[in-house]
Protein backbone atom coordinates (compact mmCIF):
# COMPACT_ATOMS: atom_id res chain seq x y z
CA MET A 1 90.44 7.91 -99.26
CA VAL A 2 88.37 7.86 -102.46
CA ASP A 3 84.65 7.45 -103.04
CA HIS A 4 84.84 3.79 -103.98
CA ASP A 5 86.85 2.72 -100.93
CA LEU A 6 85.30 -0.15 -98.98
CA ILE A 7 84.97 1.09 -95.37
CA GLY A 8 83.95 -0.88 -92.33
CA THR A 9 84.27 -1.08 -88.54
CA VAL A 10 86.29 -3.74 -86.74
CA VAL A 11 83.87 -5.54 -84.42
CA ALA A 12 86.08 -8.41 -83.20
CA VAL A 13 89.77 -9.29 -83.06
CA GLN A 14 91.30 -12.71 -82.58
CA ALA A 15 95.00 -13.40 -83.14
CA ASN A 16 95.80 -12.01 -86.61
CA PHE A 17 92.22 -11.91 -87.88
CA TYR A 18 89.75 -9.02 -87.78
CA GLN A 19 85.99 -9.25 -88.19
CA VAL A 20 84.87 -6.15 -90.11
CA CYS A 21 81.28 -4.97 -90.43
CA LEU A 22 80.82 -3.01 -93.64
CA GLU A 23 79.26 0.45 -93.40
CA ASN A 24 77.05 0.10 -96.48
CA ASN A 25 75.66 -3.24 -95.28
CA SER A 26 75.58 -3.95 -91.53
CA THR A 27 74.70 -7.60 -92.18
CA GLN A 28 77.84 -8.15 -94.27
CA PHE A 29 80.98 -9.21 -92.38
CA LEU A 30 84.43 -9.82 -93.81
CA LEU A 31 87.12 -11.81 -92.03
CA CYS A 32 90.24 -9.75 -92.71
CA THR A 33 93.97 -9.87 -92.26
CA ARG A 34 96.22 -6.84 -91.82
CA ARG A 35 98.47 -5.67 -94.65
CA THR A 36 102.17 -6.26 -94.01
CA ARG A 37 102.97 -2.57 -94.46
CA LEU A 38 100.68 -1.72 -91.52
CA LYS A 39 102.61 -4.14 -89.36
CA LYS A 40 105.93 -2.67 -90.49
CA ILE A 41 104.93 0.85 -89.45
CA GLY A 42 103.55 -0.43 -86.13
CA GLN A 43 99.92 0.35 -86.93
CA LYS A 44 97.76 -1.51 -84.44
CA VAL A 45 94.19 -2.46 -85.37
CA MET A 46 91.65 -2.26 -82.55
CA VAL A 47 88.01 -3.11 -82.05
CA GLY A 48 86.08 0.00 -83.06
CA ASP A 49 88.57 1.11 -85.71
CA ARG A 50 87.14 2.36 -89.00
CA VAL A 51 89.22 0.71 -91.70
CA ILE A 52 89.57 0.56 -95.47
CA VAL A 53 89.34 -2.98 -96.84
CA GLU A 54 90.96 -4.13 -100.07
CA GLU A 55 90.54 -7.18 -102.29
CA PRO A 56 87.23 -8.42 -100.88
CA ASP A 57 86.41 -12.04 -101.56
CA TRP A 58 82.61 -11.99 -101.45
CA GLN A 59 82.28 -15.73 -101.87
CA ASP A 60 84.39 -16.61 -98.82
CA SER A 61 83.68 -13.30 -96.97
CA ARG A 62 87.33 -12.36 -96.65
CA GLY A 63 89.46 -9.27 -97.22
CA ALA A 64 92.56 -7.32 -96.20
CA ILE A 65 92.77 -4.18 -94.06
CA ALA A 66 94.79 -1.63 -96.00
CA GLN A 67 94.37 1.47 -93.83
CA VAL A 68 93.18 2.48 -90.36
CA LEU A 69 91.31 5.79 -90.38
CA PRO A 70 92.11 8.42 -87.70
CA ARG A 71 90.64 7.66 -84.26
CA THR A 72 88.54 10.05 -82.20
CA THR A 73 89.18 8.21 -78.92
CA GLU A 74 91.27 5.28 -77.77
CA LEU A 75 90.92 3.14 -74.64
CA GLU A 76 93.73 0.86 -73.49
CA ARG A 77 91.67 -1.31 -71.18
CA PRO A 78 89.42 -2.47 -72.69
CA PRO A 79 91.14 -1.89 -76.06
CA VAL A 80 88.42 -0.03 -77.97
CA ALA A 81 88.81 2.76 -80.51
CA ASN A 82 86.32 5.53 -81.32
CA ALA A 83 84.11 4.85 -78.28
CA ASP A 84 81.65 7.62 -77.39
CA ILE A 85 79.97 6.52 -74.16
CA ILE A 86 80.76 4.41 -71.12
CA LEU A 87 77.58 2.76 -69.86
CA LEU A 88 78.32 2.02 -66.21
CA VAL A 89 75.84 -0.56 -64.92
CA PHE A 90 75.20 -1.19 -61.22
CA ALA A 91 72.37 -2.88 -59.34
CA VAL A 92 70.50 -1.17 -56.53
CA GLU A 93 69.88 -4.56 -54.87
CA GLU A 94 71.16 -8.14 -55.20
CA PRO A 95 73.91 -7.13 -54.77
CA ALA A 96 73.29 -4.02 -52.70
CA LEU A 97 74.72 -0.81 -54.12
CA ASP A 98 78.07 -0.06 -52.44
CA PRO A 99 78.93 3.68 -52.59
CA TRP A 100 82.69 3.03 -52.29
CA GLN A 101 82.74 0.49 -55.14
CA LEU A 102 80.50 2.70 -57.26
CA SER A 103 82.83 5.66 -56.68
CA ARG A 104 85.84 3.62 -57.76
CA PHE A 105 84.14 2.73 -61.04
CA LEU A 106 82.99 6.32 -61.52
CA VAL A 107 86.53 7.66 -61.06
CA LYS A 108 87.88 5.19 -63.61
CA ALA A 109 85.11 6.07 -66.07
CA GLU A 110 85.69 9.80 -65.57
CA SER A 111 89.40 9.35 -66.31
CA THR A 112 88.61 8.12 -69.85
CA THR A 113 87.10 11.54 -70.77
CA LEU A 114 84.24 9.70 -72.55
CA GLU A 115 80.61 10.59 -71.96
CA LEU A 116 79.44 8.76 -68.84
CA CYS A 117 76.01 7.18 -68.56
CA LEU A 118 75.28 5.70 -65.10
CA CYS A 119 72.59 3.01 -65.22
CA LEU A 120 71.08 1.50 -62.05
CA ASN A 121 69.42 -1.85 -62.69
CA LYS A 122 66.98 -4.00 -60.67
CA CYS A 123 64.91 -0.99 -59.61
CA ASP A 124 61.94 -3.32 -59.20
CA LEU A 125 63.60 -4.58 -55.99
CA ILE A 126 63.44 -1.23 -54.14
CA THR A 127 60.63 1.07 -53.06
CA VAL A 128 59.83 4.44 -54.58
CA GLU A 129 61.20 6.13 -51.45
CA GLN A 130 64.51 4.25 -51.71
CA ARG A 131 64.82 5.23 -55.36
CA GLN A 132 64.19 8.88 -54.52
CA GLN A 133 66.87 8.71 -51.82
CA TRP A 134 69.40 7.42 -54.32
CA GLN A 135 68.37 10.03 -56.87
CA GLY A 136 68.99 12.83 -54.39
CA ARG A 137 72.26 11.32 -53.21
CA LEU A 138 73.67 10.82 -56.70
CA LYS A 139 72.58 14.32 -57.69
CA GLN A 140 74.80 15.66 -54.91
CA TRP A 141 77.61 13.59 -56.40
CA GLY A 142 76.95 15.23 -59.76
CA TYR A 143 75.21 12.37 -61.61
CA ASP A 144 71.77 11.97 -63.19
CA ALA A 145 71.42 8.20 -63.41
CA SER A 146 69.11 6.11 -65.58
CA TYR A 147 66.95 3.78 -63.49
CA VAL A 148 65.93 0.55 -65.23
CA SER A 149 64.45 -2.85 -64.56
CA VAL A 150 65.24 -5.50 -67.14
CA ILE A 151 62.62 -7.85 -65.69
CA GLN A 152 59.82 -5.29 -65.84
CA GLN A 153 61.19 -3.54 -68.97
CA GLN A 154 61.26 -0.19 -67.18
CA GLY A 155 63.47 2.61 -68.53
CA ILE A 156 64.81 0.50 -71.40
CA ASN A 157 63.47 2.66 -74.24
CA ARG A 158 64.89 5.86 -72.77
CA LEU A 159 68.29 4.23 -72.34
CA TRP A 160 68.16 2.80 -75.88
CA GLU A 161 67.47 6.27 -77.30
CA ARG A 162 70.50 7.69 -75.52
CA LEU A 163 72.81 5.08 -77.06
CA GLN A 164 71.61 5.46 -80.65
CA GLY A 165 74.32 6.12 -83.22
CA LYS A 166 77.12 5.83 -80.64
CA ILE A 167 79.81 3.27 -79.81
CA THR A 168 79.12 2.35 -76.19
CA VAL A 169 81.37 0.43 -73.79
CA VAL A 170 79.40 -1.45 -71.12
CA ALA A 171 81.12 -1.70 -67.75
CA GLY A 172 80.31 -2.68 -64.20
CA PRO A 173 80.90 -5.37 -61.57
CA SER A 174 79.66 -8.96 -61.83
CA GLY A 175 76.11 -9.85 -60.91
CA VAL A 176 74.48 -6.51 -61.69
CA GLY A 177 72.66 -7.71 -64.82
CA LYS A 178 74.93 -6.43 -67.60
CA SER A 179 74.37 -9.48 -69.79
CA SER A 180 70.60 -9.35 -69.28
CA LEU A 181 70.59 -5.65 -70.14
CA ILE A 182 72.63 -6.22 -73.29
CA ARG A 183 70.29 -9.03 -74.42
CA THR A 184 67.33 -6.73 -73.79
CA LEU A 185 68.86 -3.92 -75.83
CA ILE A 186 69.97 -6.34 -78.58
CA PRO A 187 67.50 -9.26 -78.77
CA THR A 188 69.42 -10.91 -81.64
CA ILE A 189 72.77 -10.89 -79.87
CA ASP A 190 72.94 -14.70 -79.50
CA LEU A 191 72.69 -15.07 -83.28
CA ARG A 192 75.39 -12.42 -83.77
CA VAL A 193 77.73 -14.04 -81.22
CA GLY A 194 77.29 -17.44 -82.82
CA LYS A 195 78.05 -16.07 -86.29
CA VAL A 196 81.22 -14.23 -85.34
CA SER A 197 82.45 -17.03 -83.06
CA GLY A 198 82.04 -19.50 -85.88
CA LYS A 199 84.05 -17.29 -88.23
CA LEU A 200 86.86 -16.92 -85.71
CA GLN A 201 86.83 -20.63 -84.83
CA ARG A 202 86.48 -20.30 -81.07
CA GLY A 203 83.99 -20.98 -78.30
CA ARG A 204 81.19 -18.51 -77.64
CA HIS A 205 81.66 -17.98 -73.91
CA THR A 206 85.40 -18.56 -73.45
CA THR A 207 86.68 -15.33 -74.98
CA ARG A 208 88.01 -12.43 -72.95
CA HIS A 209 88.29 -10.23 -76.03
CA VAL A 210 86.10 -7.22 -76.61
CA GLU A 211 83.42 -7.46 -79.30
CA LEU A 212 81.02 -4.89 -80.72
CA PHE A 213 77.36 -5.72 -81.24
CA GLU A 214 74.95 -3.67 -83.34
CA LEU A 215 72.08 -1.91 -81.61
CA PRO A 216 68.71 -2.01 -83.41
CA GLY A 217 68.30 1.35 -85.08
CA GLY A 218 72.01 2.19 -85.10
CA GLY A 219 75.00 2.22 -82.81
CA LEU A 220 77.38 -0.41 -81.42
CA LEU A 221 77.65 -1.92 -77.96
CA ALA A 222 80.79 -3.46 -76.43
CA ASP A 223 80.87 -5.67 -73.36
CA SER A 224 84.16 -4.94 -71.62
CA PRO A 225 85.86 -7.71 -69.61
CA GLY A 226 88.81 -5.37 -68.96
CA PHE A 227 86.65 -2.83 -67.15
CA ASN A 228 85.13 -5.09 -64.51
CA GLN A 229 87.93 -4.54 -61.99
CA PRO A 230 89.08 -0.94 -62.48
CA ASP A 231 92.57 0.17 -61.47
CA LEU A 232 93.25 3.58 -59.97
CA ASP A 233 96.19 4.31 -62.25
CA CYS A 234 95.67 8.07 -62.54
CA LEU A 235 98.17 10.66 -61.34
CA PRO A 236 97.51 11.93 -57.80
CA ARG A 237 97.31 15.55 -59.04
CA ASP A 238 94.55 14.59 -61.52
CA LEU A 239 92.33 12.64 -59.13
CA ALA A 240 90.22 15.60 -57.96
CA ARG A 241 89.12 16.26 -61.56
CA TYR A 242 87.35 12.90 -61.58
CA PHE A 243 85.02 13.92 -58.73
CA PRO A 244 82.28 16.31 -59.98
CA GLU A 245 81.94 17.71 -56.44
CA ALA A 246 85.61 18.71 -56.44
CA ARG A 247 85.43 20.08 -59.98
CA ILE A 248 82.61 22.44 -59.01
CA ARG A 249 84.59 23.75 -56.04
CA LEU A 250 87.67 24.33 -58.21
CA GLN A 251 85.56 26.22 -60.77
CA LYS A 252 84.37 28.61 -58.09
CA ALA A 253 87.70 29.20 -56.31
CA THR A 254 91.41 28.38 -56.43
CA CYS A 255 93.63 26.63 -53.93
CA GLN A 256 96.61 28.54 -52.51
CA PHE A 257 99.09 26.07 -54.02
CA SER A 258 98.99 25.06 -57.67
CA ASN A 259 100.12 21.51 -56.82
CA CYS A 260 97.56 21.11 -54.02
CA LEU A 261 96.45 17.50 -53.50
CA HIS A 262 93.53 18.67 -51.31
CA LYS A 263 94.66 16.60 -48.37
CA ASP A 264 96.11 18.79 -45.61
CA GLU A 265 97.40 21.85 -47.46
CA PRO A 266 96.39 25.28 -46.11
CA ASN A 267 93.71 27.33 -47.89
CA CYS A 268 92.44 24.38 -49.91
CA VAL A 269 89.04 24.95 -51.52
CA VAL A 270 88.33 21.26 -52.15
CA ARG A 271 88.84 19.90 -48.66
CA GLY A 272 85.60 20.09 -46.76
CA ASP A 273 82.27 18.56 -45.87
CA TRP A 274 81.14 16.58 -48.90
CA GLU A 275 80.06 12.96 -48.75
CA ARG A 276 82.73 11.36 -50.92
CA TYR A 277 85.69 13.30 -49.56
CA GLU A 278 86.73 10.27 -47.50
CA TYR A 279 86.66 8.18 -50.66
CA TYR A 280 88.81 10.80 -52.36
CA LEU A 281 91.43 10.57 -49.58
CA ASP A 282 91.42 6.77 -49.79
CA PHE A 283 91.84 6.79 -53.57
CA LEU A 284 94.54 9.49 -53.27
CA ASP A 285 96.61 7.32 -50.92
CA LYS A 286 96.33 4.42 -53.37
CA ALA A 287 97.30 6.63 -56.32
CA ILE A 288 100.34 7.99 -54.44
CA ALA A 289 101.43 4.48 -53.44
CA LEU A 290 101.17 3.32 -57.06
CA GLN A 291 103.26 6.25 -58.30
CA GLU A 292 105.96 5.51 -55.71
CA ILE A 293 106.13 1.92 -56.94
CA LEU A 294 106.36 3.02 -60.57
CA GLN A 295 109.10 5.53 -59.78
CA LYS A 296 111.23 2.79 -58.22
CA GLN A 297 111.08 0.75 -61.41
CA PRO A 298 113.96 1.32 -63.83
CA ASP A 299 113.33 3.61 -66.75
CA ARG A 300 112.63 1.68 -69.93
CA GLU A 301 115.17 3.63 -71.92
CA SER A 302 117.89 3.03 -69.29
CA ASN A 303 117.89 -0.62 -70.39
CA LEU A 304 117.94 0.29 -74.08
CA LYS A 305 120.40 1.87 -76.46
CA LEU A 306 119.63 3.83 -79.58
CA MET A 307 120.99 2.19 -82.72
CA VAL A 308 121.05 3.85 -86.13
CA LYS A 309 120.80 1.46 -89.08
CA ARG A 310 122.44 1.94 -92.46
CA SER A 311 119.08 3.02 -93.85
CA GLY A 312 119.09 5.90 -91.37
CA LYS A 313 116.24 4.42 -89.33
CA SER A 314 116.69 4.63 -85.56
CA GLN A 315 115.49 2.02 -83.11
CA TYR A 316 116.11 0.99 -79.50
CA GLU A 317 117.80 -2.32 -78.73
CA PRO A 318 118.40 -4.01 -75.35
CA LYS A 319 121.64 -3.08 -73.63
CA LEU A 320 123.93 -5.91 -72.61
CA GLN A 321 125.06 -5.84 -69.01
CA THR A 322 128.30 -3.95 -68.72
CA LYS A 323 131.34 -6.19 -69.30
CA LYS A 324 129.29 -9.35 -68.78
CA TYR A 325 129.46 -10.38 -72.43
CA ARG A 326 132.66 -8.50 -73.32
CA ARG A 327 135.73 -10.58 -74.10
CA THR A 328 138.70 -9.78 -71.87
CA ASN A 329 141.63 -8.43 -73.90
CA ARG A 330 145.10 -9.97 -73.78
CA LYS A 331 146.65 -7.12 -71.81
CA THR A 332 144.08 -7.48 -69.04
CA LYS A 333 144.48 -11.25 -69.01
CA HIS A 334 148.27 -10.89 -68.72
CA GLN A 335 147.92 -8.34 -65.94
CA ASN A 336 145.55 -10.60 -64.03
CA LEU A 337 147.96 -13.51 -64.30
CA GLN A 338 150.80 -11.28 -63.17
CA ASP A 339 148.79 -10.18 -60.12
CA ILE A 340 147.99 -13.78 -59.23
CA TYR A 341 151.65 -14.79 -59.58
CA GLU A 342 152.87 -11.92 -57.40
CA THR A 343 150.24 -12.67 -54.74
CA GLN A 344 151.22 -16.34 -54.58
CA LEU A 345 154.94 -15.42 -54.47
CA GLN A 346 154.30 -13.02 -51.58
CA GLU A 347 152.35 -15.68 -49.65
CA GLU A 348 155.12 -18.24 -50.14
CA THR A 349 157.76 -15.71 -48.94
CA GLU A 350 155.72 -14.97 -45.79
CA ASP A 351 155.28 -18.68 -45.05
CA SER A 352 159.01 -19.30 -45.31
């Protein structure tokens, strides 16, 4: 990378086109393609990637992505690179806050290793006493949540300050006010959506792809359709690390067995009287069941064979089923005919 390189951040992806926001001018977007050499080496371009753009066409706002700069983080679902924070949004009422559902989202968010910001919306619908009860309860879980009300504009400024200069992925179930919160944080988002959607030639509200939107003052925000129904796809042995209550216990003491799942093993320091332990056991059973299903599936490489090309490059190719597509040789054919003839001759002799 040299000083005059044109650097930007990918804010939207559709098919083979990438909307890039330039770093030196956040109002300048280039609709880019990916260089063929990146495709040949298998370099994927994701939303959030910092890229180097070549051959900009300023008149038509187009360019070509020549290089993807190293990533600091990478999420698979939603596919976002270089994210810093997961903003997990729930409502305290309408719908009522469900501790089990909240815990499932928290575990998924913890598994990403990103900074977690828990935001509870619609606080105008509960009393001060109810809010204090939730504050104390979540503190025992290990979380210091942000309490906001989009309607009354409460807590918005404090939340906005926390997200400044960061790439934030917004997550949470439906109906909790994520869209309203995003529009409050980014008042010009409708103009931004319309501009990008027009460039990519698609409808505004039909996409399921992740897009980044610029926060006033700095930072990017991503609504995440892939994070609205989280899967518990972690390894059973890692699950306890995603509960702050369990992490604290493991920092203070050690279980007798190094592979302890904290279920019914003797001398376990995690098993005990903490509120979400029942949730942990439920999630553990689901994680174990998922691993058993995955272990029964055939190994990917068992259906592939390693082929070495003349250039010396190695690659895997699908294996043909044994003997299914192999031509039978003449000797085998002759032997088969001989066996059939002898069998028929023997049957005729027995009949006579």
